All heavy atoms as atom14 arrays in JSON, in Angstrom:
{
  "sequence": "GADGGKNRLIIKDGTARIEEADCPDKLCVNQGSISNVNESIV",
  "atom14_mask": [
    [1, 1, 1, 1, 0, 0, 0, 0, 0, 0, 0, 0, 0, 0],
    [1, 1, 1, 1, 1, 0, 0, 0, 0, 0, 0, 0, 0, 0],
    [1, 1, 1, 1, 1, 1, 1, 1, 0, 0, 0, 0, 0, 0],
    [1, 1, 1, 1, 0, 0, 0, 0, 0, 0, 0, 0, 0, 0],
    [1, 1, 1, 1, 0, 0, 0, 0, 0, 0, 0, 0, 0, 0],
    [1, 1, 1, 1, 1, 1, 1, 1, 1, 0, 0, 0, 0, 0],
    [1, 1, 1, 1, 1, 1, 1, 1, 0, 0, 0, 0, 0, 0],
    [1, 1, 1, 1, 1, 1, 1, 1, 1, 1, 1, 0, 0, 0],
    [1, 1, 1, 1, 1, 1, 1, 1, 0, 0, 0, 0, 0, 0],
    [1, 1, 1, 1, 1, 1, 1, 1, 0, 0, 0, 0, 0, 0],
    [1, 1, 1, 1, 1, 1, 1, 1, 0, 0, 0, 0, 0, 0],
    [1, 1, 1, 1, 1, 1, 1, 1, 1, 0, 0, 0, 0, 0],
    [1, 1, 1, 1, 1, 1, 1, 1, 0, 0, 0, 0, 0, 0],
    [1, 1, 1, 1, 0, 0, 0, 0, 0, 0, 0, 0, 0, 0],
    [1, 1, 1, 1, 1, 1, 1, 0, 0, 0, 0, 0, 0, 0],
    [1, 1, 1, 1, 1, 0, 0, 0, 0, 0, 0, 0, 0, 0],
    [1, 1, 1, 1, 1, 1, 1, 1, 1, 1, 1, 0, 0, 0],
    [1, 1, 1, 1, 1, 1, 1, 1, 0, 0, 0, 0, 0, 0],
    [1, 1, 1, 1, 1, 1, 1, 1, 1, 0, 0, 0, 0, 0],
    [1, 1, 1, 1, 1, 1, 1, 1, 1, 0, 0, 0, 0, 0],
    [1, 1, 1, 1, 1, 0, 0, 0, 0, 0, 0, 0, 0, 0],
    [1, 1, 1, 1, 1, 1, 1, 1, 0, 0, 0, 0, 0, 0],
    [1, 1, 1, 1, 1, 1, 0, 0, 0, 0, 0, 0, 0, 0],
    [1, 1, 1, 1, 1, 1, 1, 0, 0, 0, 0, 0, 0, 0],
    [1, 1, 1, 1, 1, 1, 1, 1, 0, 0, 0, 0, 0, 0],
    [1, 1, 1, 1, 1, 1, 1, 1, 1, 0, 0, 0, 0, 0],
    [1, 1, 1, 1, 1, 1, 1, 1, 0, 0, 0, 0, 0, 0],
    [1, 1, 1, 1, 1, 1, 0, 0, 0, 0, 0, 0, 0, 0],
    [1, 1, 1, 1, 1, 1, 1, 0, 0, 0, 0, 0, 0, 0],
    [1, 1, 1, 1, 1, 1, 1, 1, 0, 0, 0, 0, 0, 0],
    [1, 1, 1, 1, 1, 1, 1, 1, 1, 0, 0, 0, 0, 0],
    [1, 1, 1, 1, 0, 0, 0, 0, 0, 0, 0, 0, 0, 0],
    [1, 1, 1, 1, 1, 1, 0, 0, 0, 0, 0, 0, 0, 0],
    [1, 1, 1, 1, 1, 1, 1, 1, 0, 0, 0, 0, 0, 0],
    [1, 1, 1, 1, 1, 1, 0, 0, 0, 0, 0, 0, 0, 0],
    [1, 1, 1, 1, 1, 1, 1, 1, 0, 0, 0, 0, 0, 0],
    [1, 1, 1, 1, 1, 1, 1, 0, 0, 0, 0, 0, 0, 0],
    [1, 1, 1, 1, 1, 1, 1, 1, 0, 0, 0, 0, 0, 0],
    [1, 1, 1, 1, 1, 1, 1, 1, 1, 0, 0, 0, 0, 0],
    [1, 1, 1, 1, 1, 1, 0, 0, 0, 0, 0, 0, 0, 0],
    [1, 1, 1, 1, 1, 1, 1, 1, 0, 0, 0, 0, 0, 0],
    [1, 1, 1, 1, 1, 1, 1, 0, 0, 0, 0, 0, 0, 0]
  ],
  "atom14_positions": [
    [[190.88, 92.79, -98.61], [190.76, 92.77, -100.06], [191.85, 91.96, -100.71], [192.77, 91.48, -100.06], [0.0, 0.0, 0.0], [0.0, 0.0, 0.0], [0.0, 0.0, 0.0], [0.0, 0.0, 0.0], [0.0, 0.0, 0.0], [0.0, 0.0, 0.0], [0.0, 0.0, 0.0], [0.0, 0.0, 0.0], [0.0, 0.0, 0.0], [0.0, 0.0, 0.0]],
    [[191.73, 91.82, -102.06], [192.72, 91.05, -102.82], [194.11, 91.67, -102.75], [195.11, 90.95, -102.88], [192.23, 90.95, -104.27], [0.0, 0.0, 0.0], [0.0, 0.0, 0.0], [0.0, 0.0, 0.0], [0.0, 0.0, 0.0], [0.0, 0.0, 0.0], [0.0, 0.0, 0.0], [0.0, 0.0, 0.0], [0.0, 0.0, 0.0], [0.0, 0.0, 0.0]],
    [[194.18, 93.0, -102.57], [195.45, 93.65, -102.5], [195.93, 93.85, -101.03], [196.92, 94.52, -100.82], [195.35, 95.03, -103.17], [194.35, 95.96, -102.48], [193.59, 95.48, -101.58], [194.36, 97.16, -102.79], [0.0, 0.0, 0.0], [0.0, 0.0, 0.0], [0.0, 0.0, 0.0], [0.0, 0.0, 0.0], [0.0, 0.0, 0.0], [0.0, 0.0, 0.0]],
    [[195.25, 93.22, -100.08], [195.61, 93.37, -98.67], [194.96, 94.54, -98.0], [195.07, 94.7, -96.77], [0.0, 0.0, 0.0], [0.0, 0.0, 0.0], [0.0, 0.0, 0.0], [0.0, 0.0, 0.0], [0.0, 0.0, 0.0], [0.0, 0.0, 0.0], [0.0, 0.0, 0.0], [0.0, 0.0, 0.0], [0.0, 0.0, 0.0], [0.0, 0.0, 0.0]],
    [[194.23, 95.36, -98.7], [193.54, 96.52, -98.12], [192.38, 96.08, -97.2], [191.89, 94.98, -97.31], [0.0, 0.0, 0.0], [0.0, 0.0, 0.0], [0.0, 0.0, 0.0], [0.0, 0.0, 0.0], [0.0, 0.0, 0.0], [0.0, 0.0, 0.0], [0.0, 0.0, 0.0], [0.0, 0.0, 0.0], [0.0, 0.0, 0.0], [0.0, 0.0, 0.0]],
    [[191.95, 96.98, -96.35], [190.92, 96.67, -95.34], [189.71, 97.53, -95.56], [189.81, 98.72, -95.84], [191.46, 96.89, -93.94], [192.69, 96.08, -93.58], [192.25, 94.69, -93.25], [193.49, 93.91, -92.69], [193.17, 92.55, -92.43], [0.0, 0.0, 0.0], [0.0, 0.0, 0.0], [0.0, 0.0, 0.0], [0.0, 0.0, 0.0], [0.0, 0.0, 0.0]],
    [[188.53, 96.89, -95.37], [187.25, 97.58, -95.35], [186.48, 97.13, -94.12], [186.49, 95.92, -93.82], [186.4, 97.24, -96.58], [187.0, 97.81, -97.88], [188.17, 97.6, -98.16], [186.17, 98.48, -98.63], [0.0, 0.0, 0.0], [0.0, 0.0, 0.0], [0.0, 0.0, 0.0], [0.0, 0.0, 0.0], [0.0, 0.0, 0.0], [0.0, 0.0, 0.0]],
    [[185.81, 98.04, -93.44], [185.06, 97.66, -92.27], [183.57, 97.62, -92.63], [182.97, 98.61, -93.03], [185.23, 98.77, -91.19], [184.52, 98.4, -89.91], [184.84, 99.47, -88.87], [184.11, 99.18, -87.64], [183.87, 100.13, -86.72], [184.36, 101.35, -86.88], [183.24, 99.83, -85.67], [0.0, 0.0, 0.0], [0.0, 0.0, 0.0], [0.0, 0.0, 0.0]],
    [[183.01, 96.41, -92.53], [181.58, 96.15, -92.83], [180.79, 96.19, -91.55], [181.13, 95.51, -90.58], [181.48, 94.78, -93.49], [180.04, 94.28, -93.71], [179.28, 95.11, -94.74], [180.03, 92.79, -94.14], [0.0, 0.0, 0.0], [0.0, 0.0, 0.0], [0.0, 0.0, 0.0], [0.0, 0.0, 0.0], [0.0, 0.0, 0.0], [0.0, 0.0, 0.0]],
    [[179.74, 97.01, -91.57], [178.83, 97.13, -90.39], [177.47, 96.62, -90.85], [176.91, 97.1, -91.85], [178.68, 98.57, -89.93], [180.04, 99.14, -89.53], [177.71, 98.67, -88.78], [180.7, 98.57, -88.29], [0.0, 0.0, 0.0], [0.0, 0.0, 0.0], [0.0, 0.0, 0.0], [0.0, 0.0, 0.0], [0.0, 0.0, 0.0], [0.0, 0.0, 0.0]],
    [[176.94, 95.63, -90.12], [175.58, 95.17, -90.37], [174.78, 95.57, -89.1], [175.15, 95.11, -87.98], [175.49, 93.65, -90.6], [176.34, 93.32, -91.86], [174.04, 93.23, -90.76], [176.42, 91.86, -92.12], [0.0, 0.0, 0.0], [0.0, 0.0, 0.0], [0.0, 0.0, 0.0], [0.0, 0.0, 0.0], [0.0, 0.0, 0.0], [0.0, 0.0, 0.0]],
    [[173.81, 96.37, -89.22], [173.04, 96.86, -88.08], [171.64, 97.2, -88.52], [171.4, 97.83, -89.56], [173.71, 98.1, -87.47], [173.09, 98.51, -86.18], [173.91, 99.62, -85.52], [173.25, 99.96, -84.19], [173.92, 100.97, -83.47], [0.0, 0.0, 0.0], [0.0, 0.0, 0.0], [0.0, 0.0, 0.0], [0.0, 0.0, 0.0], [0.0, 0.0, 0.0]],
    [[170.65, 96.77, -87.73], [169.26, 97.06, -87.94], [168.76, 96.66, -89.35], [168.02, 97.38, -90.0], [168.95, 98.58, -87.72], [169.28, 99.01, -86.3], [169.1, 98.17, -85.38], [169.68, 100.15, -86.11], [0.0, 0.0, 0.0], [0.0, 0.0, 0.0], [0.0, 0.0, 0.0], [0.0, 0.0, 0.0], [0.0, 0.0, 0.0], [0.0, 0.0, 0.0]],
    [[169.28, 95.55, -89.87], [168.83, 95.02, -91.13], [169.45, 95.68, -92.33], [169.0, 95.47, -93.46], [0.0, 0.0, 0.0], [0.0, 0.0, 0.0], [0.0, 0.0, 0.0], [0.0, 0.0, 0.0], [0.0, 0.0, 0.0], [0.0, 0.0, 0.0], [0.0, 0.0, 0.0], [0.0, 0.0, 0.0], [0.0, 0.0, 0.0], [0.0, 0.0, 0.0]],
    [[170.45, 96.46, -92.16], [171.16, 97.09, -93.3], [172.68, 96.81, -93.2], [173.18, 96.57, -92.1], [170.92, 98.62, -93.35], [171.55, 99.2, -92.21], [169.46, 98.96, -93.41], [0.0, 0.0, 0.0], [0.0, 0.0, 0.0], [0.0, 0.0, 0.0], [0.0, 0.0, 0.0], [0.0, 0.0, 0.0], [0.0, 0.0, 0.0], [0.0, 0.0, 0.0]],
    [[173.33, 96.92, -94.3], [174.79, 96.72, -94.36], [175.43, 97.92, -95.02], [174.87, 98.5, -95.97], [175.14, 95.44, -95.13], [0.0, 0.0, 0.0], [0.0, 0.0, 0.0], [0.0, 0.0, 0.0], [0.0, 0.0, 0.0], [0.0, 0.0, 0.0], [0.0, 0.0, 0.0], [0.0, 0.0, 0.0], [0.0, 0.0, 0.0], [0.0, 0.0, 0.0]],
    [[176.6, 98.31, -94.52], [177.33, 99.42, -95.11], [178.8, 99.25, -94.86], [179.24, 98.54, -93.93], [176.84, 100.76, -94.56], [177.27, 101.02, -93.16], [176.69, 102.38, -92.6], [177.24, 102.7, -91.33], [176.87, 102.16, -90.18], [175.92, 101.23, -90.15], [177.43, 102.53, -89.05], [0.0, 0.0, 0.0], [0.0, 0.0, 0.0], [0.0, 0.0, 0.0]],
    [[179.62, 99.86, -95.69], [181.08, 99.94, -95.44], [181.29, 101.2, -94.68], [181.02, 102.32, -95.15], [181.86, 99.94, -96.79], [181.62, 98.66, -97.55], [183.36, 100.12, -96.48], [182.15, 97.37, -96.91], [0.0, 0.0, 0.0], [0.0, 0.0, 0.0], [0.0, 0.0, 0.0], [0.0, 0.0, 0.0], [0.0, 0.0, 0.0], [0.0, 0.0, 0.0]],
    [[181.74, 101.08, -93.45], [181.95, 102.2, -92.53], [183.29, 102.9, -92.77], [183.4, 104.1, -92.73], [181.87, 101.73, -91.08], [182.12, 102.75, -90.06], [180.88, 103.52, -89.62], [179.8, 103.18, -90.1], [181.06, 104.44, -88.85], [0.0, 0.0, 0.0], [0.0, 0.0, 0.0], [0.0, 0.0, 0.0], [0.0, 0.0, 0.0], [0.0, 0.0, 0.0]],
    [[184.33, 102.08, -92.99], [185.71, 102.6, -93.19], [186.36, 101.79, -94.26], [186.05, 100.61, -94.44], [186.52, 102.45, -91.91], [186.06, 103.21, -90.7], [186.93, 102.89, -89.48], [188.15, 102.93, -89.58], [186.33, 102.57, -88.43], [0.0, 0.0, 0.0], [0.0, 0.0, 0.0], [0.0, 0.0, 0.0], [0.0, 0.0, 0.0], [0.0, 0.0, 0.0]],
    [[187.33, 102.43, -94.92], [188.14, 101.71, -95.92], [189.44, 102.48, -96.06], [189.51, 103.7, -95.91], [187.43, 101.65, -97.27], [0.0, 0.0, 0.0], [0.0, 0.0, 0.0], [0.0, 0.0, 0.0], [0.0, 0.0, 0.0], [0.0, 0.0, 0.0], [0.0, 0.0, 0.0], [0.0, 0.0, 0.0], [0.0, 0.0, 0.0], [0.0, 0.0, 0.0]],
    [[190.53, 101.71, -96.36], [191.85, 102.35, -96.55], [192.15, 102.55, -98.03], [193.3, 102.81, -98.4], [192.94, 101.61, -95.81], [193.14, 100.19, -96.24], [192.49, 99.79, -97.23], [193.95, 99.48, -95.65], [0.0, 0.0, 0.0], [0.0, 0.0, 0.0], [0.0, 0.0, 0.0], [0.0, 0.0, 0.0], [0.0, 0.0, 0.0], [0.0, 0.0, 0.0]],
    [[191.14, 102.41, -98.89], [191.37, 102.71, -100.31], [191.41, 104.2, -100.53], [190.88, 104.98, -99.74], [190.27, 102.06, -101.18], [188.57, 102.53, -100.7], [0.0, 0.0, 0.0], [0.0, 0.0, 0.0], [0.0, 0.0, 0.0], [0.0, 0.0, 0.0], [0.0, 0.0, 0.0], [0.0, 0.0, 0.0], [0.0, 0.0, 0.0], [0.0, 0.0, 0.0]],
    [[192.01, 104.65, -101.61], [192.22, 106.08, -101.8], [190.89, 106.92, -102.09], [190.82, 108.0, -101.61], [193.17, 106.2, -102.98], [193.14, 104.88, -103.62], [192.7, 103.88, -102.62], [0.0, 0.0, 0.0], [0.0, 0.0, 0.0], [0.0, 0.0, 0.0], [0.0, 0.0, 0.0], [0.0, 0.0, 0.0], [0.0, 0.0, 0.0], [0.0, 0.0, 0.0]],
    [[189.95, 106.31, -102.77], [188.79, 107.1, -103.19], [187.6, 107.05, -102.24], [186.75, 107.92, -102.23], [188.35, 106.76, -104.6], [188.01, 105.27, -104.73], [187.89, 104.56, -103.71], [187.87, 104.83, -105.9], [0.0, 0.0, 0.0], [0.0, 0.0, 0.0], [0.0, 0.0, 0.0], [0.0, 0.0, 0.0], [0.0, 0.0, 0.0], [0.0, 0.0, 0.0]],
    [[187.55, 106.0, -101.42], [186.44, 105.82, -100.43], [185.03, 105.85, -101.03], [184.07, 106.15, -100.38], [186.52, 106.93, -99.36], [187.85, 107.09, -98.69], [187.93, 106.36, -97.41], [189.18, 106.68, -96.63], [190.39, 106.07, -97.1], [0.0, 0.0, 0.0], [0.0, 0.0, 0.0], [0.0, 0.0, 0.0], [0.0, 0.0, 0.0], [0.0, 0.0, 0.0]],
    [[184.93, 105.46, -102.34], [183.61, 105.37, -102.97], [182.74, 104.36, -102.28], [181.54, 104.53, -102.16], [183.74, 105.07, -104.45], [184.34, 106.18, -105.3], [184.5, 105.72, -106.76], [183.54, 107.43, -105.25], [0.0, 0.0, 0.0], [0.0, 0.0, 0.0], [0.0, 0.0, 0.0], [0.0, 0.0, 0.0], [0.0, 0.0, 0.0], [0.0, 0.0, 0.0]],
    [[183.34, 103.26, -101.78], [182.53, 102.2, -101.14], [181.91, 102.76, -99.84], [180.77, 102.37, -99.51], [183.41, 100.99, -100.86], [184.96, 101.39, -99.98], [0.0, 0.0, 0.0], [0.0, 0.0, 0.0], [0.0, 0.0, 0.0], [0.0, 0.0, 0.0], [0.0, 0.0, 0.0], [0.0, 0.0, 0.0], [0.0, 0.0, 0.0], [0.0, 0.0, 0.0]],
    [[182.59, 103.64, -99.17], [182.05, 104.21, -97.92], [180.9, 105.14, -98.24], [179.87, 105.17, -97.59], [183.16, 105.0, -97.17], [182.6, 105.69, -95.94], [184.29, 104.02, -96.75], [0.0, 0.0, 0.0], [0.0, 0.0, 0.0], [0.0, 0.0, 0.0], [0.0, 0.0, 0.0], [0.0, 0.0, 0.0], [0.0, 0.0, 0.0], [0.0, 0.0, 0.0]],
    [[181.03, 105.86, -99.37], [180.01, 106.83, -99.76], [178.75, 106.21, -100.41], [177.77, 106.9, -100.66], [180.59, 107.87, -100.69], [181.67, 108.7, -100.04], [181.56, 108.97, -98.84], [182.7, 109.09, -100.78], [0.0, 0.0, 0.0], [0.0, 0.0, 0.0], [0.0, 0.0, 0.0], [0.0, 0.0, 0.0], [0.0, 0.0, 0.0], [0.0, 0.0, 0.0]],
    [[178.77, 104.9, -100.68], [177.64, 104.25, -101.31], [176.44, 104.1, -100.35], [175.33, 103.83, -100.8], [178.02, 102.87, -101.9], [178.87, 103.03, -103.14], [179.3, 101.72, -103.72], [178.6, 100.69, -103.56], [180.38, 101.71, -104.43], [0.0, 0.0, 0.0], [0.0, 0.0, 0.0], [0.0, 0.0, 0.0], [0.0, 0.0, 0.0], [0.0, 0.0, 0.0]],
    [[176.7, 104.2, -99.08], [175.58, 104.16, -98.11], [175.18, 102.74, -97.74], [175.93, 101.75, -97.99], [0.0, 0.0, 0.0], [0.0, 0.0, 0.0], [0.0, 0.0, 0.0], [0.0, 0.0, 0.0], [0.0, 0.0, 0.0], [0.0, 0.0, 0.0], [0.0, 0.0, 0.0], [0.0, 0.0, 0.0], [0.0, 0.0, 0.0], [0.0, 0.0, 0.0]],
    [[173.98, 102.6, -97.22], [173.51, 101.33, -96.71], [172.7, 100.55, -97.75], [172.05, 101.17, -98.57], [172.61, 101.52, -95.46], [173.38, 102.1, -94.43], [0.0, 0.0, 0.0], [0.0, 0.0, 0.0], [0.0, 0.0, 0.0], [0.0, 0.0, 0.0], [0.0, 0.0, 0.0], [0.0, 0.0, 0.0], [0.0, 0.0, 0.0], [0.0, 0.0, 0.0]],
    [[172.76, 99.23, -97.65], [171.96, 98.38, -98.55], [171.17, 97.41, -97.71], [171.63, 96.98, -96.61], [172.88, 97.63, -99.57], [173.97, 96.83, -98.85], [173.49, 98.62, -100.56], [174.8, 95.97, -99.81], [0.0, 0.0, 0.0], [0.0, 0.0, 0.0], [0.0, 0.0, 0.0], [0.0, 0.0, 0.0], [0.0, 0.0, 0.0], [0.0, 0.0, 0.0]],
    [[170.01, 96.98, -98.2], [169.19, 96.03, -97.44], [168.25, 95.18, -98.34], [167.66, 94.25, -97.87], [168.33, 96.76, -96.41], [167.45, 97.67, -97.08], [0.0, 0.0, 0.0], [0.0, 0.0, 0.0], [0.0, 0.0, 0.0], [0.0, 0.0, 0.0], [0.0, 0.0, 0.0], [0.0, 0.0, 0.0], [0.0, 0.0, 0.0], [0.0, 0.0, 0.0]],
    [[168.13, 95.57, -99.61], [167.21, 94.84, -100.51], [167.98, 93.92, -101.42], [169.12, 94.15, -101.79], [166.37, 95.84, -101.34], [165.46, 96.65, -100.49], [164.68, 96.09, -99.72], [165.47, 97.96, -100.63], [0.0, 0.0, 0.0], [0.0, 0.0, 0.0], [0.0, 0.0, 0.0], [0.0, 0.0, 0.0], [0.0, 0.0, 0.0], [0.0, 0.0, 0.0]],
    [[167.34, 92.84, -101.83], [167.96, 91.84, -102.71], [168.53, 92.5, -103.94], [167.92, 93.37, -104.56], [166.9, 90.77, -103.09], [167.47, 89.79, -104.14], [166.43, 89.99, -101.86], [0.0, 0.0, 0.0], [0.0, 0.0, 0.0], [0.0, 0.0, 0.0], [0.0, 0.0, 0.0], [0.0, 0.0, 0.0], [0.0, 0.0, 0.0], [0.0, 0.0, 0.0]],
    [[169.76, 92.06, -104.27], [170.52, 92.51, -105.45], [171.18, 93.88, -105.29], [171.85, 94.33, -106.24], [169.71, 92.49, -106.76], [169.32, 91.11, -107.17], [170.06, 90.12, -106.85], [168.23, 90.94, -107.82], [0.0, 0.0, 0.0], [0.0, 0.0, 0.0], [0.0, 0.0, 0.0], [0.0, 0.0, 0.0], [0.0, 0.0, 0.0], [0.0, 0.0, 0.0]],
    [[171.03, 94.53, -104.17], [171.79, 95.77, -103.94], [173.22, 95.37, -103.58], [173.44, 94.33, -103.0], [171.17, 96.61, -102.85], [169.84, 97.19, -103.16], [169.27, 98.06, -102.03], [169.56, 97.74, -100.86], [168.56, 98.98, -102.33], [0.0, 0.0, 0.0], [0.0, 0.0, 0.0], [0.0, 0.0, 0.0], [0.0, 0.0, 0.0], [0.0, 0.0, 0.0]],
    [[174.18, 96.23, -103.92], [175.57, 95.87, -103.66], [176.42, 97.11, -103.39], [176.02, 98.23, -103.78], [176.15, 95.04, -104.78], [176.18, 95.83, -105.99], [0.0, 0.0, 0.0], [0.0, 0.0, 0.0], [0.0, 0.0, 0.0], [0.0, 0.0, 0.0], [0.0, 0.0, 0.0], [0.0, 0.0, 0.0], [0.0, 0.0, 0.0], [0.0, 0.0, 0.0]],
    [[177.54, 96.84, -102.74], [178.57, 97.87, -102.53], [179.83, 97.25, -103.06], [180.16, 96.11, -102.81], [178.74, 98.16, -101.01], [177.44, 98.73, -100.42], [179.89, 99.15, -100.8], [177.48, 98.88, -98.92], [0.0, 0.0, 0.0], [0.0, 0.0, 0.0], [0.0, 0.0, 0.0], [0.0, 0.0, 0.0], [0.0, 0.0, 0.0], [0.0, 0.0, 0.0]],
    [[180.58, 98.08, -103.85], [181.78, 97.55, -104.45], [182.96, 98.46, -104.09], [182.86, 99.68, -104.18], [181.62, 97.53, -106.02], [182.88, 97.05, -106.71], [180.44, 96.62, -106.36], [0.0, 0.0, 0.0], [0.0, 0.0, 0.0], [0.0, 0.0, 0.0], [0.0, 0.0, 0.0], [0.0, 0.0, 0.0], [0.0, 0.0, 0.0], [0.0, 0.0, 0.0]]
  ]
}
C-alpha cells in the first residue's frame, strides 16, 4: 500500500479476495470475494 502496509490478494476459481492484511480494521478481508464487473474491495 501507499503507507507500506501489505495485503494478500488471492485470485482463485474466477474470484478475487483479500485473504490477509496488516491494517488495523481488516475491513478489506471481511468484504469477501468479487468476480463481477465493477465490484471492488478497498
